[in-house]
Amino acid sequence: MQFRIFFMLIAVLIICPNAGIFAADKHTVVHFDLPSSAAATVVESAAGRASLKVELKLSSMVSSPEATRIDQWLVRCQPRGQFASIIDYSPRTETGSDIASHIQVKQSKEKQQSLGVGVNGSYFSSLSGNAGLDYSKKKIDSRQFERLAPIHAVTASGTINRGTGVYFKLRWTAEQILEGQKTFQLVLDVPVTWRTGLIDISVVAQSEHRSFANWEQTTKTLGAANFVIAIYREEDMHAREIARRMASAEHELRHKIEKETAAKSNNSLSTLLRHMAMKMETEKPRTNTNLLERLMLNQADPHLDNDIRKLPMACRLAALNYSDAQNSFARLNDQPTKKLNVTSNQ
């Protein structure tokens, strides 16, 4: 029986060797993008602290040609290492309604009363008589007024993690389309000598579905992404150059990993056996995409992580270069420069 299953798996892999890869991506219809760095503008500085404003431009693309229902985005922004607290953010919570105007309500009440009496009789065959009495009363009470249309949250936002991070929840409405570019603003409170920082950003596109007969409601993920944004002071040209190096190292790392992933999709016997072994393992293997995200989020040491050490030499070198660039950018806070504007505004 075991040999039979073994050969059946080989046959499936020969027919469709990339089935596992496509199965993981077939529901990803929303793709996100975000610049790798952003300049922070000084809003105010006093008493050894500074307020910096940062703009994040998040773009989305719907790859499905069909009209895909996207109910909401959920965006989380978390400065790494808690180097800053959130003073302000935009967009703020906003409400809206699917009905453009107030709802008109008309109520009417009708009351009618009627009374009738009739007498009809005859006396012998030659005399007859008929008498009647009728009374009717009708009353109509009518009222008309306007009621506010039901509202719901179009955009919801607030702080997370004790005020060190912020979240945004955007819903698809007739006036808000969740495709294209959206701008988010953060105002950070940092030390006046602050130069650089990293912000971890996660975004998820979701839709709500009901099962058969609307008995159970489920949430389906249509797309998700994680980003690391390098933030630096607008006037710090040296930090800007290090941020560009970090972006270049990230681009090179992505290119190497994509090239390695494409090389694994050939039809060689060793690749088929490796796919089969991965399918038979009880523990789900980590993909190169997950490895890239762990490295960007500083959750993997390129010198010690076993998954990185298994990569080809070109990928390992790219991972080391990116890690070094990220560390160099973060260490700029330990190198204050006199060129920064640290004068307190009165």
C-alpha atoms as a PDB file:
ATOM      1  CA  MET A   1       0.000   0.000   0.000  1.00  0.00           C
ATOM      2  CA  GLN A   2       2.842   2.397   0.839  1.00  0.00           C
ATOM      3  CA  PHE A   3       4.555   1.733  -2.503  1.00  0.00           C
ATOM      4  CA  ARG A   4       1.290   2.456  -4.297  1.00  0.00           C
ATOM      5  CA  ILE A   5       0.933   5.836  -2.578  1.00  0.00           C
ATOM      6  CA  PHE A   6       4.584   6.569  -3.355  1.00  0.00           C
ATOM      7  CA  PHE A   7       4.149   6.055  -7.100  1.00  0.00           C
ATOM      8  CA  MET A   8       0.835   7.967  -7.102  1.00  0.00           C
ATOM      9  CA  LEU A   9       2.580  10.982  -5.603  1.00  0.00           C
ATOM     10  CA  ILE A  10       5.324  10.780  -8.228  1.00  0.00           C
ATOM     11  CA  ALA A  11       2.690  10.682 -10.982  1.00  0.00           C
ATOM     12  CA  VAL A  12       0.900  13.743  -9.579  1.00  0.00           C
ATOM     13  CA  LEU A  13       4.137  15.689  -9.364  1.00  0.00           C
ATOM     14  CA  ILE A  14       5.121  14.743 -12.914  1.00  0.00           C
ATOM     15  CA  ILE A  15       1.773  15.921 -14.254  1.00  0.00           C
ATOM     16  CA  CYS A  16       1.697  19.127 -12.189  1.00  0.00           C
ATOM     17  CA  PRO A  17       4.993  19.784 -10.419  1.00  0.00           C
ATOM     18  CA  ASN A  18       4.045  23.359  -9.478  1.00  0.00           C
ATOM     19  CA  ALA A  19       0.665  22.496  -7.979  1.00  0.00           C
ATOM     20  CA  GLY A  20       1.747  23.488  -4.492  1.00  0.00           C
ATOM     21  CA  ILE A  21       3.068  26.847  -5.646  1.00  0.00           C
ATOM     22  CA  PHE A  22      -0.072  27.810  -7.531  1.00  0.00           C
ATOM     23  CA  ALA A  23      -2.340  26.581  -4.763  1.00  0.00           C
ATOM     24  CA  ALA A  24      -0.753  29.035  -2.358  1.00  0.00           C
ATOM     25  CA  ASP A  25      -1.244  32.028  -4.667  1.00  0.00           C
ATOM     26  CA  LYS A  26      -4.537  31.384  -6.409  1.00  0.00           C
ATOM     27  CA  HIS A  27      -6.525  33.420  -3.862  1.00  0.00           C
ATOM     28  CA  THR A  28      -4.093  36.375  -3.887  1.00  0.00           C
ATOM     29  CA  VAL A  29      -5.911  38.895  -6.047  1.00  0.00           C
ATOM     30  CA  VAL A  30      -4.840  42.077  -4.229  1.00  0.00           C
ATOM     31  CA  HIS A  31      -1.162  43.089  -4.390  1.00  0.00           C
ATOM     32  CA  PHE A  32       0.349  45.883  -2.288  1.00  0.00           C
ATOM     33  CA  ASP A  33       3.372  48.128  -2.704  1.00  0.00           C
ATOM     34  CA  LEU A  34       5.047  50.741  -0.496  1.00  0.00           C
ATOM     35  CA  PRO A  35       8.214  52.827  -0.949  1.00  0.00           C
ATOM     36  CA  SER A  36      11.178  51.493   0.998  1.00  0.00           C
ATOM     37  CA  SER A  37      11.999  54.808   2.704  1.00  0.00           C
ATOM     38  CA  ALA A  38      10.375  58.092   3.693  1.00  0.00           C
ATOM     39  CA  ALA A  39      11.621  61.466   4.918  1.00  0.00           C
ATOM     40  CA  ALA A  40      10.303  62.824   8.218  1.00  0.00           C
ATOM     41  CA  THR A  41       9.525  66.536   8.499  1.00  0.00           C
ATOM     42  CA  VAL A  42      10.085  68.355  11.780  1.00  0.00           C
ATOM     43  CA  VAL A  43       6.782  69.821  12.969  1.00  0.00           C
ATOM     44  CA  GLU A  44       7.909  71.105  16.358  1.00  0.00           C
ATOM     45  CA  SER A  45      10.821  70.680  18.757  1.00  0.00           C
ATOM     46  CA  ALA A  46      11.023  71.690  22.402  1.00  0.00           C
ATOM     47  CA  ALA A  47      12.388  70.468  25.727  1.00  0.00           C
ATOM     48  CA  GLY A  48      14.622  67.862  24.157  1.00  0.00           C
ATOM     49  CA  ARG A  49      11.798  66.259  22.134  1.00  0.00           C
ATOM     50  CA  ALA A  50      10.774  66.641  18.485  1.00  0.00           C
ATOM     51  CA  SER A  51       7.546  65.973  16.590  1.00  0.00           C
ATOM     52  CA  LEU A  52       8.084  64.480  13.142  1.00  0.00           C
ATOM     53  CA  LYS A  53       5.489  63.983  10.400  1.00  0.00           C
ATOM     54  CA  VAL A  54       5.819  60.996   8.069  1.00  0.00           C
ATOM     55  CA  GLU A  55       3.742  60.256   4.954  1.00  0.00           C
ATOM     56  CA  LEU A  56       3.267  56.657   3.832  1.00  0.00           C
ATOM     57  CA  LYS A  57       1.881  56.071   0.328  1.00  0.00           C
ATOM     58  CA  LEU A  58       0.377  52.587   0.089  1.00  0.00           C
ATOM     59  CA  SER A  59      -0.647  51.310  -3.354  1.00  0.00           C
ATOM     60  CA  SER A  60      -2.811  48.317  -4.220  1.00  0.00           C
ATOM     61  CA  MET A  61      -3.563  46.511  -7.474  1.00  0.00           C
ATOM     62  CA  VAL A  62      -6.415  44.080  -8.065  1.00  0.00           C
ATOM     63  CA  SER A  63      -5.163  41.454 -10.517  1.00  0.00           C
ATOM     64  CA  SER A  64      -8.488  39.681 -11.052  1.00  0.00           C
ATOM     65  CA  PRO A  65     -10.378  40.815 -14.194  1.00  0.00           C
ATOM     66  CA  GLU A  66     -13.654  40.078 -12.431  1.00  0.00           C
ATOM     67  CA  ALA A  67     -15.306  42.446  -9.995  1.00  0.00           C
ATOM     68  CA  THR A  68     -13.727  41.259  -6.760  1.00  0.00           C
ATOM     69  CA  ARG A  69     -15.519  42.181  -3.562  1.00  0.00           C
ATOM     70  CA  ILE A  70     -13.044  43.730  -1.107  1.00  0.00           C
ATOM     71  CA  ASP A  71     -14.731  44.633   2.150  1.00  0.00           C
ATOM     72  CA  GLN A  72     -11.834  46.129   4.066  1.00  0.00           C
ATOM     73  CA  TRP A  73      -8.137  46.840   4.462  1.00  0.00           C
ATOM     74  CA  LEU A  74      -6.426  46.412   7.804  1.00  0.00           C
ATOM     75  CA  VAL A  75      -3.137  48.331   8.078  1.00  0.00           C
ATOM     76  CA  ARG A  76      -0.821  48.201  11.113  1.00  0.00           C
ATOM     77  CA  CYS A  77       2.187  50.501  11.600  1.00  0.00           C
ATOM     78  CA  GLN A  78       4.638  49.745  14.395  1.00  0.00           C
ATOM     79  CA  PRO A  79       7.913  51.658  14.912  1.00  0.00           C
ATOM     80  CA  ARG A  80      10.580  49.071  15.659  1.00  0.00           C
ATOM     81  CA  GLY A  81      12.214  49.130  19.066  1.00  0.00           C
ATOM     82  CA  GLN A  82       9.572  51.575  20.306  1.00  0.00           C
ATOM     83  CA  PHE A  83      11.852  54.521  19.473  1.00  0.00           C
ATOM     84  CA  ALA A  84       8.788  56.769  19.164  1.00  0.00           C
ATOM     85  CA  SER A  85       5.267  57.267  20.405  1.00  0.00           C
ATOM     86  CA  ILE A  86       2.311  58.240  18.232  1.00  0.00           C
ATOM     87  CA  ILE A  87       1.093  61.818  18.708  1.00  0.00           C
ATOM     88  CA  ASP A  88      -1.301  62.062  15.780  1.00  0.00           C
ATOM     89  CA  TYR A  89      -2.312  60.131  12.696  1.00  0.00           C
ATOM     90  CA  SER A  90      -4.469  60.435   9.596  1.00  0.00           C
ATOM     91  CA  PRO A  91      -6.991  59.468   8.358  1.00  0.00           C
ATOM     92  CA  ARG A  92      -9.043  59.575  11.532  1.00  0.00           C
ATOM     93  CA  THR A  93     -12.212  57.602  12.194  1.00  0.00           C
ATOM     94  CA  GLU A  94     -14.956  58.621   9.765  1.00  0.00           C
ATOM     95  CA  THR A  95     -18.532  57.414   9.408  1.00  0.00           C
ATOM     96  CA  GLY A  96     -20.823  57.288   6.406  1.00  0.00           C
ATOM     97  CA  SER A  97     -24.048  55.824   5.094  1.00  0.00           C
ATOM     98  CA  ASP A  98     -25.188  54.072   1.938  1.00  0.00           C
ATOM     99  CA  ILE A  99     -28.250  56.385   1.889  1.00  0.00           C
ATOM    100  CA  ALA A 100     -27.538  59.919   0.665  1.00  0.00           C
ATOM    101  CA  SER A 101     -30.341  61.734   2.545  1.00  0.00           C
ATOM    102  CA  HIS A 102     -32.634  61.354   5.519  1.00  0.00           C
ATOM    103  CA  ILE A 103     -35.289  58.667   5.448  1.00  0.00           C
ATOM    104  CA  GLN A 104     -38.874  59.982   5.129  1.00  0.00           C
ATOM    105  CA  VAL A 105     -41.396  58.162   7.288  1.00  0.00           C
ATOM    106  CA  LYS A 106     -45.161  58.475   6.834  1.00  0.00           C
ATOM    107  CA  GLN A 107     -47.617  57.103   9.391  1.00  0.00           C
ATOM    108  CA  SER A 108     -51.396  57.244   9.050  1.00  0.00           C
ATOM    109  CA  LYS A 109     -54.177  55.976  11.271  1.00  0.00           C
ATOM    110  CA  GLU A 110     -57.786  55.682  10.145  1.00  0.00           C
ATOM    111  CA  LYS A 111     -60.782  55.184  12.450  1.00  0.00           C
ATOM    112  CA  GLN A 112     -64.325  54.626  11.139  1.00  0.00           C
ATOM    113  CA  GLN A 113     -67.583  54.114  13.034  1.00  0.00           C
ATOM    114  CA  SER A 114     -70.962  53.160  11.500  1.00  0.00           C
ATOM    115  CA  LEU A 115     -74.409  52.518  13.011  1.00  0.00           C
ATOM    116  CA  GLY A 116     -77.516  51.422  11.091  1.00  0.00           C
ATOM    117  CA  VAL A 117     -81.039  50.470  12.200  1.00  0.00           C
ATOM    118  CA  GLY A 118     -83.785  49.200   9.878  1.00  0.00           C
ATOM    119  CA  VAL A 119     -87.373  48.061  10.508  1.00  0.00           C
ATOM    120  CA  ASN A 120     -89.560  46.390   7.899  1.00  0.00           C
ATOM    121  CA  GLY A 121     -92.991  45.013   8.637  1.00  0.00           C
ATOM    122  CA  SER A 122     -96.493  44.425   7.221  1.00  0.00           C
ATOM    123  CA  TYR A 123    -100.000  44.448   8.686  1.00  0.00           C
ATOM    124  CA  PHE A 124    -102.264  42.067   6.951  1.00  0.00           C
ATOM    125  CA  SER A 125    -101.856  42.172   3.209  1.00  0.00           C
ATOM    126  CA  SER A 126    -102.940  45.695   2.501  1.00  0.00           C
ATOM    127  CA  LEU A 127    -100.631  47.700   4.834  1.00  0.00           C
ATOM    128  CA  SER A 128     -96.814  47.674   4.962  1.00  0.00           C
ATOM    129  CA  GLY A 129     -94.059  49.951   6.449  1.00  0.00           C
ATOM    130  CA  ASN A 130     -90.275  50.549   6.384  1.00  0.00           C
ATOM    131  CA  ALA A 131     -88.169  52.709   8.762  1.00  0.00           C
ATOM    132  CA  GLY A 132     -84.345  53.164   8.879  1.00  0.00           C
ATOM    133  CA  LEU A 133     -81.571  55.081  10.716  1.00  0.00           C
ATOM    134  CA  ASP A 134     -77.874  55.322   9.588  1.00  0.00           C
ATOM    135  CA  TYR A 135     -74.886  57.015  11.339  1.00  0.00           C
ATOM    136  CA  SER A 136     -71.265  57.074  10.079  1.00  0.00           C
ATOM    137  CA  LYS A 137     -68.066  58.730  11.439  1.00  0.00           C
ATOM    138  CA  LYS A 138     -64.531  58.623   9.929  1.00  0.00           C
ATOM    139  CA  LYS A 139     -61.284  60.001  11.452  1.00  0.00           C
ATOM    140  CA  ILE A 140     -57.810  60.001   9.796  1.00  0.00           C
ATOM    141  CA  ASP A 141     -54.621  60.814  11.728  1.00  0.00           C
ATOM    142  CA  SER A 142     -51.507  61.279   9.547  1.00  0.00           C
ATOM    143  CA  ARG A 143     -47.897  62.109  10.514  1.00  0.00           C
ATOM    144  CA  GLN A 144     -44.789  62.626   8.397  1.00  0.00           C
ATOM    145  CA  PHE A 145     -41.196  63.023   9.658  1.00  0.00           C
ATOM    146  CA  GLU A 146     -37.569  62.336   8.669  1.00  0.00           C
ATOM    147  CA  ARG A 147     -35.290  59.775  10.308  1.00  0.00           C
ATOM    148  CA  LEU A 148     -31.491  59.725  10.187  1.00  0.00           C
ATOM    149  CA  ALA A 149     -30.039  57.147   7.819  1.00  0.00           C
ATOM    150  CA  PRO A 150     -28.100  54.301   9.493  1.00  0.00           C
ATOM    151  CA  ILE A 151     -24.348  54.955   9.534  1.00  0.00           C
ATOM    152  CA  HIS A 152     -21.291  52.718   9.728  1.00  0.00           C
ATOM    153  CA  ALA A 153     -17.534  53.226   9.995  1.00  0.00           C
ATOM    154  CA  VAL A 154     -15.958  54.068   6.634  1.00  0.00           C
ATOM    155  CA  THR A 155     -12.504  54.513   8.161  1.00  0.00           C
ATOM    156  CA  ALA A 156     -11.521  53.465  11.672  1.00  0.00           C
ATOM    157  CA  SER A 157      -8.137  54.228  13.223  1.00  0.00           C
ATOM    158  CA  GLY A 158      -6.477  54.259  16.619  1.00  0.00           C
ATOM    159  CA  THR A 159      -3.320  53.487  18.550  1.00  0.00           C
ATOM    160  CA  ILE A 160      -2.008  50.018  19.443  1.00  0.00           C
ATOM    161  CA  ASN A 161       0.666  48.645  21.769  1.00  0.00           C
ATOM    162  CA  ARG A 162       0.332  51.340  24.444  1.00  0.00           C
ATOM    163  CA  GLY A 163       0.422  54.214  21.983  1.00  0.00           C
ATOM    164  CA  THR A 164       3.597  53.145  20.189  1.00  0.00           C
ATOM    165  CA  GLY A 165       1.804  51.986  17.037  1.00  0.00           C
ATOM    166  CA  VAL A 166      -1.296  52.786  15.028  1.00  0.00           C
ATOM    167  CA  TYR A 167      -3.837  50.889  12.944  1.00  0.00           C
ATOM    168  CA  PHE A 168      -6.133  51.856  10.079  1.00  0.00           C
ATOM    169  CA  LYS A 169      -9.209  49.974   8.925  1.00  0.00           C
ATOM    170  CA  LEU A 170     -10.702  51.080   5.609  1.00  0.00           C
ATOM    171  CA  ARG A 171     -14.009  49.779   4.261  1.00  0.00           C
ATOM    172  CA  TRP A 172     -15.121  49.670   0.627  1.00  0.00           C
ATOM    173  CA  THR A 173     -18.068  51.999   0.067  1.00  0.00           C
ATOM    174  CA  ALA A 174     -19.668  53.819  -2.852  1.00  0.00           C
ATOM    175  CA  GLU A 175     -17.331  56.773  -2.169  1.00  0.00           C
ATOM    176  CA  GLN A 176     -14.187  54.898  -1.081  1.00  0.00           C
ATOM    177  CA  ILE A 177     -12.612  52.431  -3.502  1.00  0.00           C
ATOM    178  CA  LEU A 178      -9.893  50.186  -2.072  1.00  0.00           C
ATOM    179  CA  GLU A 179      -7.696  50.195  -5.142  1.00  0.00           C
ATOM    180  CA  GLY A 180      -4.949  52.554  -6.191  1.00  0.00           C
ATOM    181  CA  GLN A 181      -2.934  54.740  -3.815  1.00  0.00           C
ATOM    182  CA  LYS A 182      -3.865  55.762  -0.274  1.00  0.00           C
ATOM    183  CA  THR A 183      -1.906  58.205   1.880  1.00  0.00           C
ATOM    184  CA  PHE A 184      -1.417  57.718   5.609  1.00  0.00           C
ATOM    185  CA  GLN A 185       0.225  60.244   7.924  1.00  0.00           C
ATOM    186  CA  LEU A 186       1.967  59.637  11.250  1.00  0.00           C
ATOM    187  CA  VAL A 187       3.214  62.233  13.729  1.00  0.00           C
ATOM    188  CA  LEU A 188       5.938  60.746  15.943  1.00  0.00           C
ATOM    189  CA  ASP A 189       7.352  61.986  19.218  1.00  0.00           C
ATOM    190  CA  VAL A 190      11.133  61.274  19.296  1.00  0.00           C
ATOM    191  CA  PRO A 191      14.257  62.605  21.038  1.00  0.00           C
ATOM    192  CA  VAL A 192      15.521  65.808  19.481  1.00  0.00           C
ATOM    193  CA  THR A 193      18.762  64.048  18.472  1.00  0.00           C
ATOM    194  CA  TRP A 194      16.888  61.272  16.625  1.00  0.00           C
ATOM    195  CA  ARG A 195      18.129  60.552  13.100  1.00  0.00           C
ATOM    196  CA  THR A 196      16.716  57.258  11.796  1.00  0.00           C
ATOM    197  CA  GLY A 197      14.240  54.499  12.577  1.00  0.00           C
ATOM    198  CA  LEU A 198      12.476  51.502  11.055  1.00  0.00           C
ATOM    199  CA  ILE A 199       8.713  51.028  10.893  1.00  0.00           C
ATOM    200  CA  ASP A 200       7.180  47.583  10.370  1.00  0.00           C
ATOM    201  CA  ILE A 201       3.988  47.755   8.331  1.00  0.00           C
ATOM    202  CA  SER A 202       1.525  44.956   7.638  1.00  0.00           C
ATOM    203  CA  VAL A 203      -1.538  45.200   5.406  1.00  0.00           C
ATOM    204  CA  VAL A 204      -4.322  42.693   4.742  1.00  0.00           C
ATOM    205  CA  ALA A 205      -7.228  42.857   2.267  1.00  0.00           C
ATOM    206  CA  GLN A 206     -10.264  40.897   3.410  1.00  0.00           C
ATOM    207  CA  SER A 207     -13.767  40.020   2.274  1.00  0.00           C
ATOM    208  CA  GLU A 208     -16.684  38.585   4.201  1.00  0.00           C
ATOM    209  CA  HIS A 209     -18.522  35.513   2.954  1.00  0.00           C
ATOM    210  CA  ARG A 210     -21.523  33.608   4.215  1.00  0.00           C
ATOM    211  CA  SER A 211     -21.798  29.870   3.967  1.00  0.00           C
ATOM    212  CA  PHE A 212     -24.752  27.929   2.602  1.00  0.00           C
ATOM    213  CA  ALA A 213     -28.103  29.366   3.740  1.00  0.00           C
ATOM    214  CA  ASN A 214     -26.235  32.217   5.513  1.00  0.00           C
ATOM    215  CA  TRP A 215     -25.674  30.098   8.576  1.00  0.00           C
ATOM    216  CA  GLU A 216     -22.064  31.055   9.167  1.00  0.00           C
ATOM    217  CA  GLN A 217     -20.008  34.093   8.227  1.00  0.00           C
ATOM    218  CA  THR A 218     -16.315  33.723   7.411  1.00  0.00           C
ATOM    219  CA  THR A 219     -13.510  36.156   6.561  1.00  0.00           C
ATOM    220  CA  LYS A 220     -11.389  35.481   3.490  1.00  0.00           C
ATOM    221  CA  THR A 221      -7.947  36.993   2.893  1.00  0.00           C
ATOM    222  CA  LEU A 222      -7.542  38.291  -0.664  1.00  0.00           C
ATOM    223  CA  GLY A 223      -4.035  39.665  -0.256  1.00  0.00           C
ATOM    224  CA  ALA A 224      -1.436  40.446   2.414  1.00  0.00           C
ATOM    225  CA  ALA A 225       2.016  42.007   2.601  1.00  0.00           C
ATOM    226  CA  ASN A 226       4.680  43.024   5.121  1.00  0.00           C
ATOM    227  CA  PHE A 227       7.010  45.971   4.636  1.00  0.00           C
ATOM    228  CA  VAL A 228       9.920  47.592   6.467  1.00  0.00           C
ATOM    229  CA  ILE A 229      10.168  51.366   5.948  1.00  0.00           C
ATOM    230  CA  ALA A 230      13.347  53.331   6.667  1.00  0.00           C
ATOM    231  CA  ILE A 231      12.486  56.712   8.223  1.00  0.00           C
ATOM    232  CA  TYR A 232      15.051  59.532   8.394  1.00  0.00           C
ATOM    233  CA  ARG A 233      15.050  63.252   9.069  1.00  0.00           C
ATOM    234  CA  GLU A 234      14.458  65.307   5.963  1.00  0.00           C
ATOM    235  CA  GLU A 235      17.666  67.338   6.282  1.00  0.00           C
ATOM    236  CA  ASP A 236      19.944  64.365   7.068  1.00  0.00           C
ATOM    237  CA  MET A 237      21.578  63.637   3.715  1.00  0.00           C
ATOM    238  CA  HIS A 238      23.866  60.939   5.112  1.00  0.00           C
ATOM    239  CA  ALA A 239      20.916  58.997   6.545  1.00  0.00           C
ATOM    240  CA  ARG A 240      19.134  59.382   3.227  1.00  0.00           C
ATOM    241  CA  GLU A 241      22.089  57.784   1.413  1.00  0.00           C
ATOM    242  CA  ILE A 242      22.184  54.836   3.862  1.00  0.00           C
ATOM    243  CA  ALA A 243      18.423  54.379   3.373  1.00  0.00           C
ATOM    244  CA  ARG A 244      18.988  54.161  -0.388  1.00  0.00           C
ATOM    245  CA  ARG A 245      21.662  51.524   0.124  1.00  0.00           C
ATOM    246  CA  MET A 246      19.258  49.540   2.272  1.00  0.00           C
ATOM    247  CA  ALA A 247      16.590  49.767  -0.449  1.00  0.00           C
ATOM    248  CA  SER A 248      19.092  48.607  -3.065  1.00  0.00           C
ATOM    249  CA  ALA A 249      20.127  45.659  -0.885  1.00  0.00           C
ATOM    250  CA  GLU A 250      16.486  44.690  -0.405  1.00  0.00           C
ATOM    251  CA  HIS A 251      15.870  44.829  -4.165  1.00  0.00           C
ATOM    252  CA  GLU A 252      18.889  42.622  -4.808  1.00  0.00           C
ATOM    253  CA  LEU A 253      17.789  40.140  -2.149  1.00  0.00           C
ATOM    254  CA  ARG A 254      14.282  39.899  -3.610  1.00  0.00           C
ATOM    255  CA  HIS A 255      15.735  39.359  -7.081  1.00  0.00           C
ATOM    256  CA  LYS A 256      18.027  36.557  -5.898  1.00  0.00           C
ATOM    257  CA  ILE A 257      15.259  34.788  -3.997  1.00  0.00           C
ATOM    258  CA  GLU A 258      12.822  35.051  -6.921  1.00  0.00           C
ATOM    259  CA  LYS A 259      15.496  33.642  -9.228  1.00  0.00           C
ATOM    260  CA  GLU A 260      16.150  30.769  -6.826  1.00  0.00           C
ATOM    261  CA  THR A 261      12.409  30.031  -6.523  1.00  0.00           C
ATOM    262  CA  ALA A 262      12.044  29.958 -10.313  1.00  0.00           C
ATOM    263  CA  ALA A 263      15.015  27.592 -10.610  1.00  0.00           C
ATOM    264  CA  LYS A 264      13.338  25.144  -8.217  1.00  0.00           C
ATOM    265  CA  SER A 265      10.290  24.840 -10.477  1.00  0.00           C
ATOM    266  CA  ASN A 266      12.046  22.734 -13.141  1.00  0.00           C
ATOM    267  CA  ASN A 267      11.006  19.152 -13.848  1.00  0.00           C
ATOM    268  CA  SER A 268      14.169  17.355 -12.795  1.00  0.00           C
ATOM    269  CA  LEU A 269      13.841  14.130 -10.812  1.00  0.00           C
ATOM    270  CA  SER A 270      15.613  15.623  -7.785  1.00  0.00           C
ATOM    271  CA  THR A 271      13.108  18.484  -7.703  1.00  0.00           C
ATOM    272  CA  LEU A 272      10.186  16.064  -7.920  1.00  0.00           C
ATOM    273  CA  LEU A 273      11.566  13.968  -5.085  1.00  0.00           C
ATOM    274  CA  ARG A 274      12.129  17.093  -3.002  1.00  0.00           C
ATOM    275  CA  HIS A 275       8.533  18.221  -3.578  1.00  0.00           C
ATOM    276  CA  MET A 276       7.274  14.777  -2.632  1.00  0.00           C
ATOM    277  CA  ALA A 277       9.375  14.733   0.528  1.00  0.00           C
ATOM    278  CA  MET A 278       8.044  18.147   1.512  1.00  0.00           C
ATOM    279  CA  LYS A 279       4.459  16.987   1.012  1.00  0.00           C
ATOM    280  CA  MET A 280       5.027  13.878   3.154  1.00  0.00           C
ATOM    281  CA  GLU A 281       6.544  15.861   6.050  1.00  0.00           C
ATOM    282  CA  THR A 282       4.222  16.591   8.949  1.00  0.00           C
ATOM    283  CA  GLU A 283       5.803  20.013   9.527  1.00  0.00           C
ATOM    284  CA  LYS A 284       4.941  22.626   6.922  1.00  0.00           C
ATOM    285  CA  PRO A 285       8.143  23.817   5.200  1.00  0.00           C
ATOM    286  CA  ARG A 286       9.037  27.480   5.139  1.00  0.00           C
ATOM    287  CA  THR A 287       8.942  29.156   1.753  1.00  0.00           C
ATOM    288  CA  ASN A 288      11.468  31.661   0.468  1.00  0.00           C
ATOM    289  CA  THR A 289       8.860  34.402   0.789  1.00  0.00           C
ATOM    290  CA  ASN A 290       8.458  33.686   4.496  1.00  0.00           C
ATOM    291  CA  LEU A 291      12.233  33.633   4.836  1.00  0.00           C
ATOM    292  CA  LEU A 292      12.514  37.053   3.197  1.00  0.00           C
ATOM    293  CA  GLU A 293       9.890  38.514   5.522  1.00  0.00           C
ATOM    294  CA  ARG A 294      11.572  37.062   8.602  1.00  0.00           C
ATOM    295  CA  LEU A 295      14.874  38.570   7.508  1.00  0.00           C
ATOM    296  CA  MET A 296      13.325  41.984   6.852  1.00  0.00           C
ATOM    297  CA  LEU A 297      11.524  41.944  10.212  1.00  0.00           C
ATOM    298  CA  ASN A 298      14.789  41.074  11.974  1.00  0.00           C
ATOM    299  CA  GLN A 299      13.466  37.655  13.000  1.00  0.00           C
ATOM    300  CA  ALA A 300      16.296  35.676  11.373  1.00  0.00           C
ATOM    301  CA  ASP A 301      20.063  35.934  11.824  1.00  0.00           C
ATOM    302  CA  PRO A 302      21.705  35.465   8.390  1.00  0.00           C
ATOM    303  CA  HIS A 303      24.813  34.068  10.104  1.00  0.00           C
ATOM    304  CA  LEU A 304      23.012  31.409  12.178  1.00  0.00           C
ATOM    305  CA  ASP A 305      19.599  30.714  10.633  1.00  0.00           C
ATOM    306  CA  ASN A 306      19.472  27.175   9.174  1.00  0.00           C
ATOM    307  CA  ASP A 307      17.059  28.118   6.374  1.00  0.00           C
ATOM    308  CA  ILE A 308      19.383  30.889   5.162  1.00  0.00           C
ATOM    309  CA  ARG A 309      22.435  28.648   5.367  1.00  0.00           C
ATOM    310  CA  LYS A 310      20.692  26.189   3.017  1.00  0.00           C
ATOM    311  CA  LEU A 311      20.332  28.841   0.296  1.00  0.00           C
ATOM    312  CA  PRO A 312      22.787  29.135  -2.607  1.00  0.00           C
ATOM    313  CA  MET A 313      25.835  31.309  -2.052  1.00  0.00           C
ATOM    314  CA  ALA A 314      24.412  34.249  -4.060  1.00  0.00           C
ATOM    315  CA  CYS A 315      21.260  34.360  -1.907  1.00  0.00           C
ATOM    316  CA  ARG A 316      23.251  34.102   1.313  1.00  0.00           C
ATOM    317  CA  LEU A 317      25.512  36.987   0.295  1.00  0.00           C
ATOM    318  CA  ALA A 318      22.466  39.105  -0.595  1.00  0.00           C
ATOM    319  CA  ALA A 319      20.919  38.294   2.792  1.00  0.00           C
ATOM    320  CA  LEU A 320      24.114  39.315   4.595  1.00  0.00           C
ATOM    321  CA  ASN A 321      24.336  42.571   2.609  1.00  0.00           C
ATOM    322  CA  TYR A 322      20.734  43.472   3.434  1.00  0.00           C
ATOM    323  CA  SER A 323      21.190  42.676   7.124  1.00  0.00           C
ATOM    324  CA  ASP A 324      24.348  44.807   7.263  1.00  0.00           C
ATOM    325  CA  ALA A 325      22.598  47.707   5.501  1.00  0.00           C
ATOM    326  CA  GLN A 326      19.660  47.552   7.908  1.00  0.00           C
ATOM    327  CA  ASN A 327      21.977  47.484  10.929  1.00  0.00           C
ATOM    328  CA  SER A 328      24.037  50.390   9.563  1.00  0.00           C
ATOM    329  CA  PHE A 329      20.884  52.461   9.141  1.00  0.00           C
ATOM    330  CA  ALA A 330      19.689  51.716  12.678  1.00  0.00           C
ATOM    331  CA  ARG A 331      23.092  52.549  14.189  1.00  0.00           C
ATOM    332  CA  LEU A 332      23.025  56.118  12.831  1.00  0.00           C
ATOM    333  CA  ASN A 333      21.193  57.188  15.996  1.00  0.00           C
ATOM    334  CA  ASP A 334      24.431  56.467  17.868  1.00  0.00           C
ATOM    335  CA  GLN A 335      26.257  58.937  15.641  1.00  0.00           C
ATOM    336  CA  PRO A 336      24.743  62.394  16.219  1.00  0.00           C
ATOM    337  CA  THR A 337      25.704  65.052  13.733  1.00  0.00           C
ATOM    338  CA  LYS A 338      25.954  68.799  14.233  1.00  0.00           C
ATOM    339  CA  LYS A 339      24.253  69.465  10.924  1.00  0.00           C
ATOM    340  CA  LEU A 340      20.837  68.521  12.307  1.00  0.00           C
ATOM    341  CA  ASN A 341      18.494  71.268  13.409  1.00  0.00           C
ATOM    342  CA  VAL A 342      18.066  70.633  17.132  1.00  0.00           C
ATOM    343  CA  THR A 343      17.101  74.183  18.127  1.00  0.00           C
ATOM    344  CA  SER A 344      14.009  74.319  20.315  1.00  0.00           C
ATOM    345  CA  ASN A 345      11.090  76.388  19.041  1.00  0.00           C
ATOM    346  CA  GLN A 346       9.713  78.760  21.582  1.00  0.00           C
END
